[in-house]
Amino acid sequence: MWALLRTEIDRFSDKLNAALAQLDILDQCKDLKIDHICVRLKHNADVDRLKEQLLEAGRLISTADVNGREISIVQLHSPLMVGAWEVSGVEVPYPKPGHAYEDGWEHVEFVLNGAANTMDGIRQAFIERFPNLTIDELQEACGYSEDAPLADKDQMPNPTLGIRVNGVGLKFHAHPIQVIVGHEKQGF
């Protein structure tokens, strides 16, 4: 399963670059860090199998109940190249009951350096970085969302702004997930 996902990273990278280009923000994102990439799987057994395989390629840095389901974060020993970005974190959530997923890469999360770690702070940093985009237009055209996931463990808050473009999730938050879950100190 992990070997198959690695072979699909170039196709996902192309979709990611196309989504960013469609929004006309590809250049503004090139100097941002992608702290992790998320893979979605339909079946719990596949999630279990993937987590086992990922532990051979990296280290489990977090497993937490987030919004009612378990989500794990694995820090890879060798980063993946996702387009122009090196990405070391892989998010592996169990499927939400009642939601249909296609197996494969689903979203990336960019770090808006210097943003206040609040929803207002993320929104303001996003608007400043991408002045060509408006929240109203994104809500109408791109599946815009704002989320403040609730984790069962002692983690920092992780308010996140999300956009969905042609099947690719683009998320933005203030701190790398490695800092949020306490694996690394702030200043990452």
N, C-alpha and C. Protein backbone atom coordinates (compact mmCIF):
# COMPACT_ATOMS: atom_id res chain seq x y z
N MET A 1 0.82 -1.20 0.00
CA MET A 1 0.00 0.00 0.00
C MET A 1 0.86 1.27 0.00
N TRP A 2 1.88 1.35 0.88
CA TRP A 2 2.75 2.51 0.92
C TRP A 2 3.53 2.63 -0.39
N ALA A 3 3.97 1.52 -0.94
CA ALA A 3 4.69 1.56 -2.22
C ALA A 3 3.80 2.11 -3.32
N LEU A 4 2.54 1.71 -3.35
CA LEU A 4 1.60 2.21 -4.35
C LEU A 4 1.36 3.71 -4.17
N LEU A 5 1.17 4.15 -2.95
CA LEU A 5 0.96 5.58 -2.70
C LEU A 5 2.16 6.42 -3.15
N ARG A 6 3.37 5.91 -2.93
CA ARG A 6 4.55 6.65 -3.38
C ARG A 6 4.59 6.79 -4.90
N THR A 7 4.08 5.77 -5.60
CA THR A 7 4.07 5.88 -7.08
C THR A 7 3.03 6.89 -7.55
N GLU A 8 2.05 7.21 -6.71
CA GLU A 8 1.00 8.15 -7.10
C GLU A 8 1.31 9.59 -6.71
N ILE A 9 2.48 9.82 -6.09
CA ILE A 9 2.78 11.16 -5.61
C ILE A 9 2.98 12.15 -6.76
N ASP A 10 3.55 11.70 -7.88
CA ASP A 10 3.74 12.63 -9.01
C ASP A 10 2.41 13.08 -9.59
N ARG A 11 1.48 12.17 -9.71
CA ARG A 11 0.15 12.52 -10.23
C ARG A 11 -0.54 13.51 -9.28
N PHE A 12 -0.43 13.25 -7.97
CA PHE A 12 -1.01 14.18 -7.00
C PHE A 12 -0.31 15.53 -7.07
N SER A 13 1.01 15.53 -7.23
CA SER A 13 1.77 16.78 -7.35
C SER A 13 1.28 17.60 -8.53
N ASP A 14 1.02 16.94 -9.65
CA ASP A 14 0.50 17.64 -10.83
C ASP A 14 -0.86 18.26 -10.53
N LYS A 15 -1.72 17.51 -9.83
CA LYS A 15 -3.04 18.04 -9.46
C LYS A 15 -2.91 19.21 -8.49
N LEU A 16 -1.97 19.11 -7.55
CA LEU A 16 -1.72 20.19 -6.59
C LEU A 16 -1.27 21.44 -7.33
N ASN A 17 -0.27 21.31 -8.20
CA ASN A 17 0.22 22.47 -8.95
C ASN A 17 -0.89 23.08 -9.81
N ALA A 18 -1.71 22.24 -10.43
CA ALA A 18 -2.82 22.74 -11.26
C ALA A 18 -3.84 23.49 -10.41
N ALA A 19 -4.13 22.98 -9.21
CA ALA A 19 -5.09 23.65 -8.32
C ALA A 19 -4.56 25.01 -7.89
N LEU A 20 -3.28 25.07 -7.52
CA LEU A 20 -2.69 26.34 -7.11
C LEU A 20 -2.63 27.32 -8.28
N ALA A 21 -2.33 26.81 -9.48
CA ALA A 21 -2.30 27.67 -10.67
C ALA A 21 -3.70 28.18 -11.00
N GLN A 22 -4.70 27.32 -10.86
CA GLN A 22 -6.08 27.75 -11.14
C GLN A 22 -6.48 28.91 -10.23
N LEU A 23 -6.04 28.87 -8.99
CA LEU A 23 -6.33 29.96 -8.05
C LEU A 23 -5.38 31.14 -8.24
N ASP A 24 -4.38 30.96 -9.08
CA ASP A 24 -3.35 31.98 -9.34
C ASP A 24 -2.56 32.29 -8.06
N ILE A 25 -2.22 31.23 -7.30
CA ILE A 25 -1.43 31.40 -6.08
C ILE A 25 -0.20 30.49 -6.05
N LEU A 26 0.11 29.85 -7.16
CA LEU A 26 1.25 28.92 -7.18
C LEU A 26 2.53 29.62 -6.76
N ASP A 27 2.82 30.77 -7.34
CA ASP A 27 4.05 31.48 -7.00
C ASP A 27 4.08 31.91 -5.53
N GLN A 28 2.93 32.36 -5.00
CA GLN A 28 2.89 32.80 -3.60
C GLN A 28 3.05 31.63 -2.63
N CYS A 29 2.82 30.42 -3.08
CA CYS A 29 2.93 29.25 -2.20
C CYS A 29 4.32 28.62 -2.24
N LYS A 30 5.12 28.98 -3.22
CA LYS A 30 6.43 28.32 -3.38
C LYS A 30 7.34 28.50 -2.18
N ASP A 31 7.22 29.61 -1.45
CA ASP A 31 8.09 29.81 -0.30
C ASP A 31 7.43 29.38 1.02
N LEU A 32 6.23 28.83 0.94
CA LEU A 32 5.59 28.27 2.13
C LEU A 32 6.04 26.83 2.32
N LYS A 33 5.99 26.39 3.54
CA LYS A 33 6.31 25.00 3.86
C LYS A 33 5.02 24.17 3.86
N ILE A 34 5.07 22.99 3.26
CA ILE A 34 4.01 22.00 3.45
C ILE A 34 4.50 21.09 4.56
N ASP A 35 3.83 21.13 5.70
CA ASP A 35 4.30 20.33 6.84
C ASP A 35 3.82 18.89 6.78
N HIS A 36 2.66 18.66 6.12
CA HIS A 36 2.21 17.28 5.97
C HIS A 36 1.23 17.13 4.82
N ILE A 37 1.09 15.88 4.42
CA ILE A 37 0.18 15.48 3.36
C ILE A 37 -0.75 14.43 3.96
N CYS A 38 -2.00 14.43 3.53
CA CYS A 38 -3.00 13.50 4.09
C CYS A 38 -3.38 12.46 3.05
N VAL A 39 -3.49 11.24 3.51
CA VAL A 39 -3.98 10.15 2.66
C VAL A 39 -5.32 9.68 3.22
N ARG A 40 -6.29 9.48 2.35
CA ARG A 40 -7.61 8.99 2.76
C ARG A 40 -7.77 7.56 2.27
N LEU A 41 -8.33 6.73 3.12
CA LEU A 41 -8.62 5.34 2.77
C LEU A 41 -10.03 5.01 3.21
N LYS A 42 -10.69 4.17 2.41
CA LYS A 42 -12.10 3.83 2.65
C LYS A 42 -12.30 2.88 3.82
N HIS A 43 -11.33 1.99 4.04
CA HIS A 43 -11.53 0.89 4.99
C HIS A 43 -10.55 0.96 6.15
N ASN A 44 -11.06 0.70 7.35
CA ASN A 44 -10.22 0.71 8.55
C ASN A 44 -9.05 -0.26 8.43
N ALA A 45 -9.28 -1.43 7.84
CA ALA A 45 -8.20 -2.42 7.70
C ALA A 45 -7.07 -1.87 6.83
N ASP A 46 -7.40 -1.09 5.82
CA ASP A 46 -6.37 -0.48 4.98
C ASP A 46 -5.58 0.57 5.75
N VAL A 47 -6.27 1.31 6.61
CA VAL A 47 -5.58 2.29 7.45
C VAL A 47 -4.60 1.56 8.37
N ASP A 48 -5.05 0.47 8.98
CA ASP A 48 -4.18 -0.31 9.87
C ASP A 48 -2.94 -0.80 9.11
N ARG A 49 -3.15 -1.33 7.92
CA ARG A 49 -2.04 -1.86 7.12
C ARG A 49 -1.07 -0.73 6.73
N LEU A 50 -1.61 0.40 6.30
CA LEU A 50 -0.75 1.52 5.91
C LEU A 50 0.07 2.02 7.10
N LYS A 51 -0.56 2.14 8.25
CA LYS A 51 0.17 2.61 9.43
C LYS A 51 1.34 1.68 9.75
N GLU A 52 1.13 0.38 9.65
CA GLU A 52 2.23 -0.58 9.87
C GLU A 52 3.36 -0.34 8.89
N GLN A 53 3.01 -0.15 7.63
CA GLN A 53 4.03 0.06 6.60
C GLN A 53 4.75 1.40 6.79
N LEU A 54 4.02 2.42 7.19
CA LEU A 54 4.63 3.73 7.41
C LEU A 54 5.63 3.70 8.56
N LEU A 55 5.40 2.85 9.54
CA LEU A 55 6.31 2.77 10.68
C LEU A 55 7.68 2.23 10.27
N GLU A 56 7.76 1.58 9.10
CA GLU A 56 9.05 1.16 8.56
C GLU A 56 9.74 2.32 7.85
N ALA A 57 8.97 3.33 7.42
CA ALA A 57 9.51 4.47 6.69
C ALA A 57 9.64 5.72 7.55
N GLY A 58 9.14 5.65 8.78
CA GLY A 58 9.15 6.83 9.63
C GLY A 58 8.81 6.48 11.07
N ARG A 59 8.48 7.53 11.81
CA ARG A 59 8.20 7.39 13.24
C ARG A 59 6.84 8.00 13.55
N LEU A 60 6.04 7.29 14.31
CA LEU A 60 4.74 7.79 14.75
C LEU A 60 4.97 8.92 15.75
N ILE A 61 4.45 10.12 15.44
CA ILE A 61 4.64 11.25 16.37
C ILE A 61 3.35 11.64 17.06
N SER A 62 2.21 11.12 16.58
CA SER A 62 0.95 11.44 17.23
C SER A 62 -0.14 10.47 16.80
N THR A 63 -0.93 10.08 17.75
CA THR A 63 -2.20 9.40 17.50
C THR A 63 -3.18 10.03 18.48
N ALA A 64 -4.22 10.62 17.92
CA ALA A 64 -5.18 11.32 18.77
C ALA A 64 -6.58 11.16 18.19
N ASP A 65 -7.56 11.22 19.08
CA ASP A 65 -8.94 11.27 18.66
C ASP A 65 -9.24 12.73 18.34
N VAL A 66 -9.51 13.00 17.06
CA VAL A 66 -9.77 14.36 16.59
C VAL A 66 -11.17 14.39 15.98
N ASN A 67 -12.03 15.19 16.55
CA ASN A 67 -13.41 15.30 16.06
C ASN A 67 -14.08 13.92 15.95
N GLY A 68 -13.79 13.03 16.90
CA GLY A 68 -14.49 11.75 16.97
C GLY A 68 -13.89 10.60 16.21
N ARG A 69 -12.68 10.76 15.65
CA ARG A 69 -12.04 9.61 14.99
C ARG A 69 -10.54 9.72 15.17
N GLU A 70 -9.88 8.58 15.09
CA GLU A 70 -8.45 8.53 15.31
C GLU A 70 -7.69 9.02 14.07
N ILE A 71 -6.73 9.90 14.34
CA ILE A 71 -5.85 10.39 13.29
C ILE A 71 -4.42 10.22 13.78
N SER A 72 -3.58 9.64 12.92
CA SER A 72 -2.17 9.46 13.24
C SER A 72 -1.33 10.33 12.33
N ILE A 73 -0.20 10.77 12.87
CA ILE A 73 0.79 11.52 12.09
C ILE A 73 2.10 10.75 12.16
N VAL A 74 2.66 10.47 10.99
CA VAL A 74 3.95 9.79 10.90
C VAL A 74 4.94 10.78 10.31
N GLN A 75 6.09 10.91 10.95
CA GLN A 75 7.19 11.73 10.46
C GLN A 75 8.14 10.81 9.70
N LEU A 76 8.25 11.01 8.40
CA LEU A 76 9.07 10.15 7.54
C LEU A 76 10.55 10.39 7.79
N HIS A 77 11.35 9.31 7.67
CA HIS A 77 12.81 9.44 7.77
C HIS A 77 13.35 10.21 6.57
N SER A 78 12.78 9.98 5.39
CA SER A 78 13.17 10.68 4.16
C SER A 78 11.92 11.36 3.60
N PRO A 79 11.98 12.67 3.38
CA PRO A 79 10.78 13.37 2.92
C PRO A 79 10.36 12.94 1.52
N LEU A 80 9.06 13.11 1.27
CA LEU A 80 8.50 12.94 -0.07
C LEU A 80 8.69 14.26 -0.82
N MET A 81 8.87 14.17 -2.12
CA MET A 81 8.85 15.38 -2.95
C MET A 81 7.44 15.49 -3.51
N VAL A 82 6.73 16.52 -3.07
CA VAL A 82 5.37 16.79 -3.52
C VAL A 82 5.48 18.08 -4.32
N GLY A 83 5.57 17.94 -5.64
CA GLY A 83 5.86 19.10 -6.46
C GLY A 83 7.23 19.63 -6.07
N ALA A 84 7.30 20.93 -5.77
CA ALA A 84 8.56 21.57 -5.39
C ALA A 84 8.84 21.50 -3.89
N TRP A 85 7.96 20.88 -3.13
CA TRP A 85 8.06 20.88 -1.68
C TRP A 85 8.55 19.54 -1.14
N GLU A 86 9.41 19.60 -0.13
CA GLU A 86 9.77 18.41 0.64
C GLU A 86 8.78 18.30 1.78
N VAL A 87 8.16 17.14 1.91
CA VAL A 87 7.12 16.94 2.91
C VAL A 87 7.49 15.73 3.76
N SER A 88 7.62 15.94 5.07
CA SER A 88 8.04 14.87 5.96
C SER A 88 6.91 14.25 6.77
N GLY A 89 5.77 14.93 6.88
CA GLY A 89 4.67 14.42 7.69
C GLY A 89 3.60 13.79 6.83
N VAL A 90 3.06 12.66 7.30
CA VAL A 90 1.94 12.00 6.63
C VAL A 90 0.82 11.83 7.66
N GLU A 91 -0.34 12.37 7.34
CA GLU A 91 -1.54 12.24 8.17
C GLU A 91 -2.34 11.04 7.68
N VAL A 92 -2.70 10.17 8.62
CA VAL A 92 -3.46 8.97 8.27
C VAL A 92 -4.69 8.90 9.18
N PRO A 93 -5.82 9.41 8.69
CA PRO A 93 -7.05 9.35 9.49
C PRO A 93 -7.86 8.10 9.17
N TYR A 94 -8.56 7.61 10.17
CA TYR A 94 -9.57 6.59 9.88
C TYR A 94 -10.74 7.28 9.19
N PRO A 95 -11.47 6.54 8.35
CA PRO A 95 -12.59 7.18 7.65
C PRO A 95 -13.69 7.61 8.61
N LYS A 96 -14.34 8.73 8.27
CA LYS A 96 -15.50 9.17 9.03
C LYS A 96 -16.68 8.30 8.63
N PRO A 97 -17.43 7.80 9.61
CA PRO A 97 -18.62 7.03 9.26
C PRO A 97 -19.57 7.86 8.40
N GLY A 98 -20.10 7.24 7.36
CA GLY A 98 -21.07 7.91 6.51
C GLY A 98 -20.47 8.79 5.43
N HIS A 99 -19.12 8.84 5.33
CA HIS A 99 -18.46 9.63 4.29
C HIS A 99 -17.82 8.69 3.28
N ALA A 100 -17.93 9.02 2.03
CA ALA A 100 -17.31 8.22 0.97
C ALA A 100 -15.97 8.85 0.58
N TYR A 101 -14.96 8.03 0.47
CA TYR A 101 -13.64 8.49 0.08
C TYR A 101 -13.13 7.67 -1.08
N GLU A 102 -12.28 8.30 -1.88
CA GLU A 102 -11.47 7.55 -2.83
C GLU A 102 -10.14 7.32 -2.14
N ASP A 103 -9.58 6.14 -2.27
CA ASP A 103 -8.27 5.87 -1.68
C ASP A 103 -7.22 6.72 -2.38
N GLY A 104 -6.36 7.34 -1.59
CA GLY A 104 -5.25 8.10 -2.17
C GLY A 104 -4.98 9.39 -1.45
N TRP A 105 -4.06 10.16 -2.01
CA TRP A 105 -3.67 11.45 -1.44
C TRP A 105 -4.84 12.41 -1.54
N GLU A 106 -5.09 13.16 -0.45
CA GLU A 106 -6.28 14.01 -0.41
C GLU A 106 -5.98 15.49 -0.24
N HIS A 107 -5.10 15.85 0.68
CA HIS A 107 -4.79 17.26 0.87
C HIS A 107 -3.38 17.47 1.40
N VAL A 108 -2.93 18.72 1.27
CA VAL A 108 -1.68 19.16 1.88
C VAL A 108 -2.01 20.32 2.80
N GLU A 109 -1.10 20.56 3.76
CA GLU A 109 -1.30 21.69 4.66
C GLU A 109 -0.07 22.59 4.65
N PHE A 110 -0.33 23.84 4.29
CA PHE A 110 0.71 24.86 4.23
C PHE A 110 0.76 25.60 5.56
N VAL A 111 1.96 26.04 5.93
CA VAL A 111 2.16 26.82 7.15
C VAL A 111 2.27 28.29 6.78
N LEU A 112 1.37 29.10 7.34
CA LEU A 112 1.41 30.55 7.15
C LEU A 112 2.27 31.14 8.27
N ASN A 113 3.56 31.19 8.04
CA ASN A 113 4.50 31.67 9.05
C ASN A 113 4.09 33.04 9.57
N GLY A 114 4.16 33.19 10.88
CA GLY A 114 3.86 34.46 11.49
C GLY A 114 2.39 34.72 11.76
N ALA A 115 1.51 33.84 11.28
CA ALA A 115 0.07 34.02 11.53
C ALA A 115 -0.23 33.76 13.00
N ALA A 116 -1.13 34.54 13.55
CA ALA A 116 -1.61 34.26 14.90
C ALA A 116 -2.36 32.93 14.87
N ASN A 117 -2.20 32.12 15.90
CA ASN A 117 -2.79 30.78 15.92
C ASN A 117 -4.25 30.83 16.38
N THR A 118 -5.02 31.65 15.67
CA THR A 118 -6.46 31.75 15.88
C THR A 118 -7.11 31.73 14.49
N MET A 119 -8.41 31.47 14.44
CA MET A 119 -9.07 31.46 13.14
C MET A 119 -8.98 32.84 12.50
N ASP A 120 -9.19 33.90 13.28
CA ASP A 120 -9.06 35.26 12.74
C ASP A 120 -7.64 35.51 12.24
N GLY A 121 -6.64 35.03 12.97
CA GLY A 121 -5.25 35.21 12.57
C GLY A 121 -4.92 34.48 11.27
N ILE A 122 -5.42 33.27 11.13
CA ILE A 122 -5.20 32.49 9.91
C ILE A 122 -5.88 33.19 8.73
N ARG A 123 -7.12 33.58 8.93
CA ARG A 123 -7.88 34.25 7.87
C ARG A 123 -7.16 35.53 7.43
N GLN A 124 -6.70 36.33 8.38
CA GLN A 124 -6.01 37.58 8.05
C GLN A 124 -4.71 37.30 7.30
N ALA A 125 -3.92 36.34 7.76
CA ALA A 125 -2.67 36.00 7.07
C ALA A 125 -2.93 35.49 5.66
N PHE A 126 -4.00 34.72 5.49
CA PHE A 126 -4.37 34.20 4.18
C PHE A 126 -4.73 35.36 3.24
N ILE A 127 -5.55 36.29 3.71
CA ILE A 127 -5.98 37.43 2.90
C ILE A 127 -4.77 38.31 2.52
N GLU A 128 -3.84 38.48 3.45
CA GLU A 128 -2.65 39.29 3.16
C GLU A 128 -1.74 38.61 2.14
N ARG A 129 -1.60 37.29 2.26
CA ARG A 129 -0.72 36.57 1.35
C ARG A 129 -1.33 36.43 -0.04
N PHE A 130 -2.65 36.27 -0.11
CA PHE A 130 -3.33 36.02 -1.38
C PHE A 130 -4.39 37.11 -1.63
N PRO A 131 -3.97 38.34 -1.88
CA PRO A 131 -4.94 39.43 -2.03
C PRO A 131 -5.85 39.27 -3.25
N ASN A 132 -5.48 38.41 -4.19
CA ASN A 132 -6.31 38.19 -5.38
C ASN A 132 -7.52 37.30 -5.08
N LEU A 133 -7.54 36.66 -3.92
CA LEU A 133 -8.65 35.78 -3.55
C LEU A 133 -9.52 36.45 -2.51
N THR A 134 -10.82 36.27 -2.63
CA THR A 134 -11.71 36.77 -1.58
C THR A 134 -12.43 35.58 -0.96
N ILE A 135 -12.71 35.69 0.30
CA ILE A 135 -13.39 34.62 1.02
C ILE A 135 -14.75 34.34 0.37
N ASP A 136 -15.49 35.39 0.01
CA ASP A 136 -16.80 35.20 -0.62
C ASP A 136 -16.70 34.40 -1.91
N GLU A 137 -15.73 34.73 -2.76
CA GLU A 137 -15.56 33.99 -4.02
C GLU A 137 -15.16 32.55 -3.76
N LEU A 138 -14.29 32.35 -2.78
CA LEU A 138 -13.85 30.98 -2.46
C LEU A 138 -15.02 30.16 -1.91
N GLN A 139 -15.85 30.77 -1.07
CA GLN A 139 -17.01 30.06 -0.53
C GLN A 139 -17.94 29.61 -1.65
N GLU A 140 -18.07 30.45 -2.65
CA GLU A 140 -18.96 30.15 -3.77
C GLU A 140 -18.38 29.10 -4.71
N ALA A 141 -17.06 29.16 -4.94
CA ALA A 141 -16.46 28.35 -6.01
C ALA A 141 -15.64 27.15 -5.55
N CYS A 142 -15.16 27.15 -4.32
CA CYS A 142 -14.12 26.18 -3.98
C CYS A 142 -14.33 25.36 -2.72
N GLY A 143 -15.47 25.30 -2.18
CA GLY A 143 -15.61 24.51 -0.96
C GLY A 143 -14.77 25.05 0.17
N TYR A 144 -14.79 26.36 0.37
CA TYR A 144 -14.05 27.02 1.44
C TYR A 144 -14.56 26.53 2.80
N SER A 145 -13.63 26.29 3.73
CA SER A 145 -14.03 25.88 5.08
C SER A 145 -13.07 26.45 6.11
N GLU A 146 -13.57 26.57 7.31
CA GLU A 146 -12.76 26.93 8.47
C GLU A 146 -13.04 25.89 9.54
N ASP A 147 -11.97 25.41 10.16
CA ASP A 147 -12.13 24.34 11.13
C ASP A 147 -11.15 24.55 12.28
N ALA A 148 -11.60 24.25 13.47
CA ALA A 148 -10.74 24.25 14.64
C ALA A 148 -10.87 22.87 15.28
N PRO A 149 -10.12 21.89 14.76
CA PRO A 149 -10.26 20.50 15.22
C PRO A 149 -10.05 20.37 16.73
N LEU A 150 -10.85 19.51 17.32
CA LEU A 150 -10.74 19.25 18.75
C LEU A 150 -10.08 17.90 18.95
N ALA A 151 -8.89 17.92 19.55
CA ALA A 151 -8.14 16.69 19.81
C ALA A 151 -8.30 16.30 21.26
N ASP A 152 -8.24 14.98 21.52
CA ASP A 152 -8.42 14.48 22.88
C ASP A 152 -7.16 14.57 23.72
N LYS A 153 -6.04 14.90 23.11
CA LYS A 153 -4.78 14.96 23.85
C LYS A 153 -4.37 16.40 24.05
N ASP A 154 -3.35 16.59 24.82
CA ASP A 154 -2.86 17.92 25.14
C ASP A 154 -2.06 18.46 23.96
N GLN A 155 -2.76 19.03 22.98
CA GLN A 155 -2.14 19.60 21.80
C GLN A 155 -2.46 21.08 21.75
N MET A 156 -1.65 21.81 20.98
CA MET A 156 -1.96 23.22 20.72
C MET A 156 -3.22 23.26 19.86
N PRO A 157 -3.95 24.35 19.91
CA PRO A 157 -5.05 24.51 18.95
C PRO A 157 -4.50 24.51 17.53
N ASN A 158 -5.31 24.09 16.57
CA ASN A 158 -4.87 24.02 15.18
C ASN A 158 -5.95 24.56 14.25
N PRO A 159 -6.31 25.85 14.38
CA PRO A 159 -7.31 26.40 13.46
C PRO A 159 -6.79 26.34 12.04
N THR A 160 -7.66 25.93 11.13
CA THR A 160 -7.25 25.65 9.75
C THR A 160 -8.28 26.20 8.78
N LEU A 161 -7.78 26.83 7.73
CA LEU A 161 -8.60 27.31 6.63
C LEU A 161 -8.40 26.34 5.47
N GLY A 162 -9.49 25.90 4.83
CA GLY A 162 -9.37 24.93 3.76
C GLY A 162 -10.09 25.35 2.49
N ILE A 163 -9.54 24.89 1.37
CA ILE A 163 -10.13 25.11 0.05
C ILE A 163 -10.04 23.79 -0.69
N ARG A 164 -11.05 23.49 -1.48
CA ARG A 164 -11.03 22.28 -2.29
C ARG A 164 -11.15 22.69 -3.75
N VAL A 165 -10.13 22.33 -4.56
CA VAL A 165 -10.09 22.70 -5.97
C VAL A 165 -9.83 21.44 -6.79
N ASN A 166 -10.79 21.09 -7.63
CA ASN A 166 -10.65 19.93 -8.51
C ASN A 166 -10.16 18.67 -7.79
N GLY A 167 -10.74 18.41 -6.64
CA GLY A 167 -10.42 17.19 -5.90
C GLY A 167 -9.18 17.26 -5.04
N VAL A 168 -8.54 18.42 -4.96
CA VAL A 168 -7.34 18.57 -4.14
C VAL A 168 -7.66 19.50 -2.98
N GLY A 169 -7.35 19.07 -1.77
CA GLY A 169 -7.54 19.90 -0.60
C GLY A 169 -6.29 20.73 -0.33
N LEU A 170 -6.49 22.02 -0.13
CA LEU A 170 -5.43 22.95 0.23
C LEU A 170 -5.79 23.51 1.59
N LYS A 171 -4.96 23.29 2.57
CA LYS A 171 -5.25 23.79 3.90
C LYS A 171 -4.10 24.68 4.36
N PHE A 172 -4.45 25.62 5.23
CA PHE A 172 -3.49 26.60 5.72
C PHE A 172 -3.65 26.74 7.23
N HIS A 173 -2.54 26.71 7.94
CA HIS A 173 -2.58 26.90 9.39
C HIS A 173 -1.31 27.61 9.85
N ALA A 174 -1.26 27.97 11.14
CA ALA A 174 -0.20 28.84 11.65
C ALA A 174 1.09 28.10 12.01
N HIS A 175 0.98 26.86 12.46
CA HIS A 175 2.16 26.13 12.92
C HIS A 175 2.21 24.75 12.28
N PRO A 176 3.42 24.23 12.04
CA PRO A 176 3.53 22.88 11.51
C PRO A 176 2.86 21.87 12.46
N ILE A 177 2.30 20.83 11.88
CA ILE A 177 1.63 19.81 12.70
C ILE A 177 2.62 19.20 13.70
N GLN A 178 3.90 19.18 13.35
CA GLN A 178 4.91 18.63 14.25
C GLN A 178 5.00 19.46 15.53
N VAL A 179 4.75 20.75 15.43
CA VAL A 179 4.72 21.63 16.61
C VAL A 179 3.39 21.45 17.35
N ILE A 180 2.30 21.39 16.60
CA ILE A 180 0.97 21.25 17.18
C ILE A 180 0.90 20.02 18.10
N VAL A 181 1.47 18.91 17.67
CA VAL A 181 1.37 17.68 18.45
C VAL A 181 2.50 17.54 19.46
N GLY A 182 3.39 18.54 19.54
CA GLY A 182 4.45 18.52 20.54
C GLY A 182 5.69 17.73 20.16
N HIS A 183 5.79 17.33 18.88
CA HIS A 183 6.97 16.58 18.44
C HIS A 183 8.18 17.50 18.29
N GLU A 184 7.94 18.73 17.86
CA GLU A 184 9.02 19.70 17.69
C GLU A 184 8.64 20.98 18.39
N LYS A 185 9.66 21.74 18.76
CA LYS A 185 9.42 23.02 19.42
C LYS A 185 9.09 24.08 18.39
N GLN A 186 8.37 25.10 18.85
CA GLN A 186 8.03 26.22 17.98
C GLN A 186 9.33 26.84 17.46
N GLY A 187 9.27 27.37 16.25
CA GLY A 187 10.47 27.88 15.62
C GLY A 187 10.98 26.87 14.61
N PHE A 188 10.20 25.87 14.30
CA PHE A 188 10.44 24.78 13.34
C PHE A 188 11.10 25.26 12.09
